[in-house]
Amino acid sequence: MGTEDSDIEFKAAFLARVKETRERKGWTQAQMARLLGLEQGTYHKYEVRTIMPLPLLRRFCLETGADIGDLMWGNRLPTRVRRRA
């Protein structure tokens, strides 16, 4: 699998974890958007196509109680890149 494929998979999994986190709180996208000071349409894109900017992601974690590492990696740790000797 190429780097581009793994980037696409990472992004899709990350966006799904953001949506799942919001849904576990029982909040709508509109409610989450209000908590973050965004329009609902702007927040929507952070669940379907665009990774949140870091300052917004930090605020999302504070509002939802989510761990940023869990959002980034889920249940698995990132793989380390091996250095060539």
PDB file of N, CA and C in Angstrom:
ATOM      1  N   MET A   1       0.855  -1.183   0.000  1.00  0.00           N
ATOM      2  CA  MET A   1       0.000   0.000   0.000  1.00  0.00           C
ATOM      3  C   MET A   1       0.892   1.234   0.000  1.00  0.00           C
ATOM      4  N   GLY A   2       0.561   2.208  -0.839  1.00  0.00           N
ATOM      5  CA  GLY A   2       1.362   3.406  -0.942  1.00  0.00           C
ATOM      6  C   GLY A   2       1.038   4.418   0.136  1.00  0.00           C
ATOM      7  N   THR A   3       1.887   5.424   0.223  1.00  0.00           N
ATOM      8  CA  THR A   3       1.692   6.486   1.217  1.00  0.00           C
ATOM      9  C   THR A   3       0.378   7.212   1.007  1.00  0.00           C
ATOM     10  N   GLU A   4       0.023   7.458  -0.247  1.00  0.00           N
ATOM     11  CA  GLU A   4      -1.229   8.165  -0.530  1.00  0.00           C
ATOM     12  C   GLU A   4      -2.428   7.366  -0.029  1.00  0.00           C
ATOM     13  N   ASP A   5      -2.405   6.049  -0.233  1.00  0.00           N
ATOM     14  CA  ASP A   5      -3.490   5.196   0.257  1.00  0.00           C
ATOM     15  C   ASP A   5      -3.582   5.244   1.774  1.00  0.00           C
ATOM     16  N   SER A   6      -2.440   5.187   2.456  1.00  0.00           N
ATOM     17  CA  SER A   6      -2.475   5.212   3.920  1.00  0.00           C
ATOM     18  C   SER A   6      -2.927   6.577   4.428  1.00  0.00           C
ATOM     19  N   ASP A   7      -2.590   7.640   3.715  1.00  0.00           N
ATOM     20  CA  ASP A   7      -3.065   8.983   4.086  1.00  0.00           C
ATOM     21  C   ASP A   7      -4.582   9.067   3.961  1.00  0.00           C
ATOM     22  N   ILE A   8      -5.114   8.496   2.886  1.00  0.00           N
ATOM     23  CA  ILE A   8      -6.557   8.510   2.667  1.00  0.00           C
ATOM     24  C   ILE A   8      -7.261   7.696   3.746  1.00  0.00           C
ATOM     25  N   GLU A   9      -6.704   6.540   4.077  1.00  0.00           N
ATOM     26  CA  GLU A   9      -7.292   5.706   5.134  1.00  0.00           C
ATOM     27  C   GLU A   9      -7.234   6.394   6.491  1.00  0.00           C
ATOM     28  N   PHE A  10      -6.108   7.049   6.794  1.00  0.00           N
ATOM     29  CA  PHE A  10      -5.980   7.778   8.057  1.00  0.00           C
ATOM     30  C   PHE A  10      -7.049   8.859   8.143  1.00  0.00           C
ATOM     31  N   LYS A  11      -7.173   9.638   7.077  1.00  0.00           N
ATOM     32  CA  LYS A  11      -8.139  10.742   7.069  1.00  0.00           C
ATOM     33  C   LYS A  11      -9.560  10.227   7.266  1.00  0.00           C
ATOM     34  N   ALA A  12      -9.933   9.182   6.543  1.00  0.00           N
ATOM     35  CA  ALA A  12     -11.287   8.630   6.660  1.00  0.00           C
ATOM     36  C   ALA A  12     -11.547   8.125   8.076  1.00  0.00           C
ATOM     37  N   ALA A  13     -10.566   7.450   8.668  1.00  0.00           N
ATOM     38  CA  ALA A  13     -10.731   6.929  10.026  1.00  0.00           C
ATOM     39  C   ALA A  13     -10.809   8.068  11.038  1.00  0.00           C
ATOM     40  N   PHE A  14      -9.989   9.095  10.849  1.00  0.00           N
ATOM     41  CA  PHE A  14     -10.012  10.251  11.749  1.00  0.00           C
ATOM     42  C   PHE A  14     -11.370  10.938  11.707  1.00  0.00           C
ATOM     43  N   LEU A  15     -11.873  11.206  10.505  1.00  0.00           N
ATOM     44  CA  LEU A  15     -13.169  11.875  10.367  1.00  0.00           C
ATOM     45  C   LEU A  15     -14.279  11.043  11.003  1.00  0.00           C
ATOM     46  N   ALA A  16     -14.208   9.728  10.851  1.00  0.00           N
ATOM     47  CA  ALA A  16     -15.207   8.844  11.456  1.00  0.00           C
ATOM     48  C   ALA A  16     -15.143   8.907  12.980  1.00  0.00           C
ATOM     49  N   ARG A  17     -13.929   8.996  13.528  1.00  0.00           N
ATOM     50  CA  ARG A  17     -13.803   9.088  14.995  1.00  0.00           C
ATOM     51  C   ARG A  17     -14.335  10.419  15.522  1.00  0.00           C
ATOM     52  N   VAL A  18     -14.153  11.491  14.769  1.00  0.00           N
ATOM     53  CA  VAL A  18     -14.713  12.791  15.169  1.00  0.00           C
ATOM     54  C   VAL A  18     -16.239  12.691  15.219  1.00  0.00           C
ATOM     55  N   LYS A  19     -16.828  12.146  14.169  1.00  0.00           N
ATOM     56  CA  LYS A  19     -18.283  11.994  14.126  1.00  0.00           C
ATOM     57  C   LYS A  19     -18.775  11.098  15.263  1.00  0.00           C
ATOM     58  N   GLU A  20     -18.106   9.981  15.464  1.00  0.00           N
ATOM     59  CA  GLU A  20     -18.490   9.055  16.526  1.00  0.00           C
ATOM     60  C   GLU A  20     -18.407   9.711  17.901  1.00  0.00           C
ATOM     61  N   THR A  21     -17.392  10.516  18.115  1.00  0.00           N
ATOM     62  CA  THR A  21     -17.235  11.216  19.400  1.00  0.00           C
ATOM     63  C   THR A  21     -18.409  12.142  19.649  1.00  0.00           C
ATOM     64  N   ARG A  22     -18.779  12.907  18.626  1.00  0.00           N
ATOM     65  CA  ARG A  22     -19.929  13.814  18.766  1.00  0.00           C
ATOM     66  C   ARG A  22     -21.204  13.029  19.027  1.00  0.00           C
ATOM     67  N   GLU A  23     -21.407  11.968  18.267  1.00  0.00           N
ATOM     68  CA  GLU A  23     -22.627  11.176  18.417  1.00  0.00           C
ATOM     69  C   GLU A  23     -22.710  10.516  19.792  1.00  0.00           C
ATOM     70  N   ARG A  24     -21.584  10.082  20.337  1.00  0.00           N
ATOM     71  CA  ARG A  24     -21.591   9.490  21.685  1.00  0.00           C
ATOM     72  C   ARG A  24     -22.061  10.491  22.741  1.00  0.00           C
ATOM     73  N   LYS A  25     -21.825  11.770  22.496  1.00  0.00           N
ATOM     74  CA  LYS A  25     -22.303  12.810  23.415  1.00  0.00           C
ATOM     75  C   LYS A  25     -23.801  13.067  23.216  1.00  0.00           C
ATOM     76  N   GLY A  26     -24.348  12.560  22.115  1.00  0.00           N
ATOM     77  CA  GLY A  26     -25.764  12.777  21.824  1.00  0.00           C
ATOM     78  C   GLY A  26     -26.038  14.133  21.208  1.00  0.00           C
ATOM     79  N   TRP A  27     -25.018  14.764  20.659  1.00  0.00           N
ATOM     80  CA  TRP A  27     -25.157  16.095  20.092  1.00  0.00           C
ATOM     81  C   TRP A  27     -25.331  16.027  18.574  1.00  0.00           C
ATOM     82  N   THR A  28     -26.095  16.978  18.051  1.00  0.00           N
ATOM     83  CA  THR A  28     -26.228  17.137  16.614  1.00  0.00           C
ATOM     84  C   THR A  28     -25.026  17.924  16.089  1.00  0.00           C
ATOM     85  N   GLN A  29     -24.878  17.926  14.777  1.00  0.00           N
ATOM     86  CA  GLN A  29     -23.825  18.757  14.195  1.00  0.00           C
ATOM     87  C   GLN A  29     -24.054  20.230  14.517  1.00  0.00           C
ATOM     88  N   ALA A  30     -25.301  20.652  14.510  1.00  0.00           N
ATOM     89  CA  ALA A  30     -25.609  22.054  14.818  1.00  0.00           C
ATOM     90  C   ALA A  30     -25.204  22.397  16.251  1.00  0.00           C
ATOM     91  N   GLN A  31     -25.464  21.497  17.187  1.00  0.00           N
ATOM     92  CA  GLN A  31     -25.072  21.740  18.581  1.00  0.00           C
ATOM     93  C   GLN A  31     -23.547  21.804  18.710  1.00  0.00           C
ATOM     94  N   MET A  32     -22.861  20.883  18.063  1.00  0.00           N
ATOM     95  CA  MET A  32     -21.401  20.878  18.123  1.00  0.00           C
ATOM     96  C   MET A  32     -20.844  22.144  17.502  1.00  0.00           C
ATOM     97  N   ALA A  33     -21.420  22.551  16.391  1.00  0.00           N
ATOM     98  CA  ALA A  33     -20.969  23.777  15.729  1.00  0.00           C
ATOM     99  C   ALA A  33     -21.105  24.980  16.661  1.00  0.00           C
ATOM    100  N   ARG A  34     -22.251  25.073  17.344  1.00  0.00           N
ATOM    101  CA  ARG A  34     -22.445  26.190  18.282  1.00  0.00           C
ATOM    102  C   ARG A  34     -21.395  26.174  19.383  1.00  0.00           C
ATOM    103  N   LEU A  35     -21.104  25.000  19.934  1.00  0.00           N
ATOM    104  CA  LEU A  35     -20.096  24.900  20.988  1.00  0.00           C
ATOM    105  C   LEU A  35     -18.718  25.362  20.513  1.00  0.00           C
ATOM    106  N   LEU A  36     -18.447  25.130  19.235  1.00  0.00           N
ATOM    107  CA  LEU A  36     -17.150  25.515  18.681  1.00  0.00           C
ATOM    108  C   LEU A  36     -17.150  26.903  18.056  1.00  0.00           C
ATOM    109  N   GLY A  37     -18.314  27.566  18.045  1.00  0.00           N
ATOM    110  CA  GLY A  37     -18.406  28.904  17.459  1.00  0.00           C
ATOM    111  C   GLY A  37     -18.346  28.893  15.943  1.00  0.00           C
ATOM    112  N   LEU A  38     -18.911  27.834  15.340  1.00  0.00           N
ATOM    113  CA  LEU A  38     -18.886  27.683  13.883  1.00  0.00           C
ATOM    114  C   LEU A  38     -20.291  27.628  13.318  1.00  0.00           C
ATOM    115  N   GLU A  39     -20.390  27.859  12.020  1.00  0.00           N
ATOM    116  CA  GLU A  39     -21.629  27.581  11.301  1.00  0.00           C
ATOM    117  C   GLU A  39     -21.749  26.061  11.182  1.00  0.00           C
ATOM    118  N   GLN A  40     -22.981  25.554  11.122  1.00  0.00           N
ATOM    119  CA  GLN A  40     -23.181  24.111  11.027  1.00  0.00           C
ATOM    120  C   GLN A  40     -22.523  23.541   9.765  1.00  0.00           C
ATOM    121  N   GLY A  41     -22.617  24.253   8.661  1.00  0.00           N
ATOM    122  CA  GLY A  41     -22.009  23.790   7.411  1.00  0.00           C
ATOM    123  C   GLY A  41     -20.492  23.687   7.497  1.00  0.00           C
ATOM    124  N   THR A  42     -19.900  24.610   8.217  1.00  0.00           N
ATOM    125  CA  THR A  42     -18.447  24.562   8.410  1.00  0.00           C
ATOM    126  C   THR A  42     -18.074  23.361   9.254  1.00  0.00           C
ATOM    127  N   TYR A  43     -18.832  23.132  10.331  1.00  0.00           N
ATOM    128  CA  TYR A  43     -18.532  21.967  11.161  1.00  0.00           C
ATOM    129  C   TYR A  43     -18.737  20.680  10.363  1.00  0.00           C
ATOM    130  N   HIS A  44     -19.796  20.630   9.573  1.00  0.00           N
ATOM    131  CA  HIS A  44     -20.100  19.427   8.782  1.00  0.00           C
ATOM    132  C   HIS A  44     -18.888  18.965   7.975  1.00  0.00           C
ATOM    133  N   LYS A  45     -18.165  19.897   7.376  1.00  0.00           N
ATOM    134  CA  LYS A  45     -17.013  19.502   6.560  1.00  0.00           C
ATOM    135  C   LYS A  45     -15.932  18.828   7.393  1.00  0.00           C
ATOM    136  N   TYR A  46     -15.891  19.110   8.713  1.00  0.00           N
ATOM    137  CA  TYR A  46     -14.904  18.470   9.572  1.00  0.00           C
ATOM    138  C   TYR A  46     -15.275  17.034   9.930  1.00  0.00           C
ATOM    139  N   GLU A  47     -16.436  16.608   9.522  1.00  0.00           N
ATOM    140  CA  GLU A  47     -16.824  15.208   9.697  1.00  0.00           C
ATOM    141  C   GLU A  47     -16.824  14.439   8.381  1.00  0.00           C
ATOM    142  N   VAL A  48     -16.749  15.142   7.268  1.00  0.00           N
ATOM    143  CA  VAL A  48     -16.869  14.437   5.990  1.00  0.00           C
ATOM    144  C   VAL A  48     -15.704  14.630   5.025  1.00  0.00           C
ATOM    145  N   ARG A  49     -14.916  15.707   5.163  1.00  0.00           N
ATOM    146  CA  ARG A  49     -13.863  15.879   4.155  1.00  0.00           C
ATOM    147  C   ARG A  49     -12.587  16.571   4.604  1.00  0.00           C
ATOM    148  N   THR A  50     -12.598  17.320   5.679  1.00  0.00           N
ATOM    149  CA  THR A  50     -11.430  18.116   6.052  1.00  0.00           C
ATOM    150  C   THR A  50     -11.069  17.883   7.516  1.00  0.00           C
ATOM    151  N   ILE A  51      -9.806  17.635   7.786  1.00  0.00           N
ATOM    152  CA  ILE A  51      -9.362  17.488   9.174  1.00  0.00           C
ATOM    153  C   ILE A  51      -9.349  18.864   9.828  1.00  0.00           C
ATOM    154  N   MET A  52      -9.851  18.933  11.058  1.00  0.00           N
ATOM    155  CA  MET A  52      -9.910  20.202  11.786  1.00  0.00           C
ATOM    156  C   MET A  52      -8.514  20.785  11.990  1.00  0.00           C
ATOM    157  N   PRO A  53      -8.409  22.113  11.937  1.00  0.00           N
ATOM    158  CA  PRO A  53      -7.142  22.748  12.322  1.00  0.00           C
ATOM    159  C   PRO A  53      -6.871  22.449  13.800  1.00  0.00           C
ATOM    160  N   LEU A  54      -5.610  22.366  14.156  1.00  0.00           N
ATOM    161  CA  LEU A  54      -5.219  21.976  15.507  1.00  0.00           C
ATOM    162  C   LEU A  54      -5.879  22.798  16.618  1.00  0.00           C
ATOM    163  N   PRO A  55      -5.944  24.144  16.517  1.00  0.00           N
ATOM    164  CA  PRO A  55      -6.606  24.888  17.608  1.00  0.00           C
ATOM    165  C   PRO A  55      -8.077  24.494  17.777  1.00  0.00           C
ATOM    166  N   LEU A  56      -8.757  24.218  16.676  1.00  0.00           N
ATOM    167  CA  LEU A  56     -10.153  23.809  16.742  1.00  0.00           C
ATOM    168  C   LEU A  56     -10.264  22.382  17.281  1.00  0.00           C
ATOM    169  N   LEU A  57      -9.334  21.529  16.892  1.00  0.00           N
ATOM    170  CA  LEU A  57      -9.324  20.157  17.390  1.00  0.00           C
ATOM    171  C   LEU A  57      -9.121  20.141  18.905  1.00  0.00           C
ATOM    172  N   ARG A  58      -8.259  21.007  19.385  1.00  0.00           N
ATOM    173  CA  ARG A  58      -8.046  21.118  20.836  1.00  0.00           C
ATOM    174  C   ARG A  58      -9.348  21.507  21.536  1.00  0.00           C
ATOM    175  N   ARG A  59     -10.044  22.465  20.985  1.00  0.00           N
ATOM    176  CA  ARG A  59     -11.309  22.899  21.577  1.00  0.00           C
ATOM    177  C   ARG A  59     -12.361  21.791  21.506  1.00  0.00           C
ATOM    178  N   PHE A  60     -12.399  21.066  20.381  1.00  0.00           N
ATOM    179  CA  PHE A  60     -13.305  19.927  20.232  1.00  0.00           C
ATOM    180  C   PHE A  60     -13.052  18.924  21.361  1.00  0.00           C
ATOM    181  N   CYS A  61     -11.791  18.633  21.611  1.00  0.00           N
ATOM    182  CA  CYS A  61     -11.440  17.683  22.676  1.00  0.00           C
ATOM    183  C   CYS A  61     -11.864  18.203  24.050  1.00  0.00           C
ATOM    184  N   LEU A  62     -11.674  19.479  24.298  1.00  0.00           N
ATOM    185  CA  LEU A  62     -12.093  20.055  25.579  1.00  0.00           C
ATOM    186  C   LEU A  62     -13.605  19.969  25.752  1.00  0.00           C
ATOM    187  N   GLU A  63     -14.351  20.241  24.695  1.00  0.00           N
ATOM    188  CA  GLU A  63     -15.816  20.222  24.776  1.00  0.00           C
ATOM    189  C   GLU A  63     -16.374  18.810  24.920  1.00  0.00           C
ATOM    190  N   THR A  64     -15.742  17.846  24.243  1.00  0.00           N
ATOM    191  CA  THR A  64     -16.281  16.491  24.236  1.00  0.00           C
ATOM    192  C   THR A  64     -15.634  15.563  25.264  1.00  0.00           C
ATOM    193  N   GLY A  65     -14.500  15.992  25.817  1.00  0.00           N
ATOM    194  CA  GLY A  65     -13.765  15.129  26.739  1.00  0.00           C
ATOM    195  C   GLY A  65     -12.946  14.069  26.022  1.00  0.00           C
ATOM    196  N   ALA A  66     -12.808  14.204  24.715  1.00  0.00           N
ATOM    197  CA  ALA A  66     -12.045  13.237  23.923  1.00  0.00           C
ATOM    198  C   ALA A  66     -10.546  13.451  24.121  1.00  0.00           C
ATOM    199  N   ASP A  67      -9.802  12.384  23.955  1.00  0.00           N
ATOM    200  CA  ASP A  67      -8.347  12.440  23.987  1.00  0.00           C
ATOM    201  C   ASP A  67      -7.852  12.625  22.554  1.00  0.00           C
ATOM    202  N   ILE A  68      -6.988  13.586  22.349  1.00  0.00           N
ATOM    203  CA  ILE A  68      -6.527  13.875  20.996  1.00  0.00           C
ATOM    204  C   ILE A  68      -5.798  12.676  20.388  1.00  0.00           C
ATOM    205  N   GLY A  69      -5.081  11.934  21.201  1.00  0.00           N
ATOM    206  CA  GLY A  69      -4.401  10.737  20.703  1.00  0.00           C
ATOM    207  C   GLY A  69      -5.389   9.687  20.231  1.00  0.00           C
ATOM    208  N   ASP A  70      -6.479   9.516  20.963  1.00  0.00           N
ATOM    209  CA  ASP A  70      -7.510   8.566  20.543  1.00  0.00           C
ATOM    210  C   ASP A  70      -8.151   8.994  19.230  1.00  0.00           C
ATOM    211  N   LEU A  71      -8.374  10.303  19.075  1.00  0.00           N
ATOM    212  CA  LEU A  71      -8.940  10.780  17.814  1.00  0.00           C
ATOM    213  C   LEU A  71      -7.965  10.544  16.664  1.00  0.00           C
ATOM    214  N   MET A  72      -6.696  10.775  16.926  1.00  0.00           N
ATOM    215  CA  MET A  72      -5.700  10.623  15.866  1.00  0.00           C
ATOM    216  C   MET A  72      -5.497   9.164  15.494  1.00  0.00           C
ATOM    217  N   TRP A  73      -5.378   8.299  16.475  1.00  0.00           N
ATOM    218  CA  TRP A  73      -4.935   6.937  16.193  1.00  0.00           C
ATOM    219  C   TRP A  73      -5.934   5.845  16.537  1.00  0.00           C
ATOM    220  N   GLY A  74      -7.010   6.178  17.209  1.00  0.00           N
ATOM    221  CA  GLY A  74      -7.969   5.146  17.568  1.00  0.00           C
ATOM    222  C   GLY A  74      -7.349   4.148  18.525  1.00  0.00           C
ATOM    223  N   ASN A  75      -7.591   2.882  18.290  1.00  0.00           N
ATOM    224  CA  ASN A  75      -7.080   1.840  19.166  1.00  0.00           C
ATOM    225  C   ASN A  75      -5.687   1.367  18.809  1.00  0.00           C
ATOM    226  N   ARG A  76      -5.133   1.899  17.738  1.00  0.00           N
ATOM    227  CA  ARG A  76      -3.807   1.438  17.358  1.00  0.00           C
ATOM    228  C   ARG A  76      -2.803   2.572  17.404  1.00  0.00           C
ATOM    229  N   LEU A  77      -1.603   2.239  17.716  1.00  0.00           N
ATOM    230  CA  LEU A  77      -0.539   3.231  17.772  1.00  0.00           C
ATOM    231  C   LEU A  77       0.016   3.456  16.370  1.00  0.00           C
ATOM    232  N   PRO A  78       0.539   4.637  16.116  1.00  0.00           N
ATOM    233  CA  PRO A  78       1.130   4.872  14.795  1.00  0.00           C
ATOM    234  C   PRO A  78       2.346   3.969  14.604  1.00  0.00           C
ATOM    235  N   THR A  79       2.562   3.566  13.373  1.00  0.00           N
ATOM    236  CA  THR A  79       3.745   2.774  13.092  1.00  0.00           C
ATOM    237  C   THR A  79       4.939   3.703  12.975  1.00  0.00           C
ATOM    238  N   ARG A  80       6.059   3.230  13.450  1.00  0.00           N
ATOM    239  CA  ARG A  80       7.281   4.043  13.368  1.00  0.00           C
ATOM    240  C   ARG A  80       7.985   3.773  12.057  1.00  0.00           C
ATOM    241  N   VAL A  81       8.581   4.788  11.556  1.00  0.00           N
ATOM    242  CA  VAL A  81       9.358   4.651  10.323  1.00  0.00           C
ATOM    243  C   VAL A  81      10.752   4.204  10.719  1.00  0.00           C
ATOM    244  N   ARG A  82      11.215   3.135  10.119  1.00  0.00           N
ATOM    245  CA  ARG A  82      12.551   2.637  10.425  1.00  0.00           C
ATOM    246  C   ARG A  82      13.601   3.441   9.653  1.00  0.00           C
ATOM    247  N   ARG A  83      14.659   3.738  10.340  1.00  0.00           N
ATOM    248  CA  ARG A  83      15.776   4.426   9.696  1.00  0.00           C
ATOM    249  C   ARG A  83      16.681   3.407   9.033  1.00  0.00           C
ATOM    250  N   ARG A  84      17.200   3.791   7.922  1.00  0.00           N
ATOM    251  CA  ARG A  84      18.182   2.934   7.261  1.00  0.00           C
ATOM    252  C   ARG A  84      19.542   3.165   7.888  1.00  0.00           C
ATOM    253  N   ALA A  85      20.266   2.109   8.082  1.00  0.00           N
ATOM    254  CA  ALA A  85      21.598   2.213   8.700  1.00  0.00           C
ATOM    255  C   ALA A  85      22.618   2.738   7.725  1.00  0.00           C
TER     256      ALA A  85
END
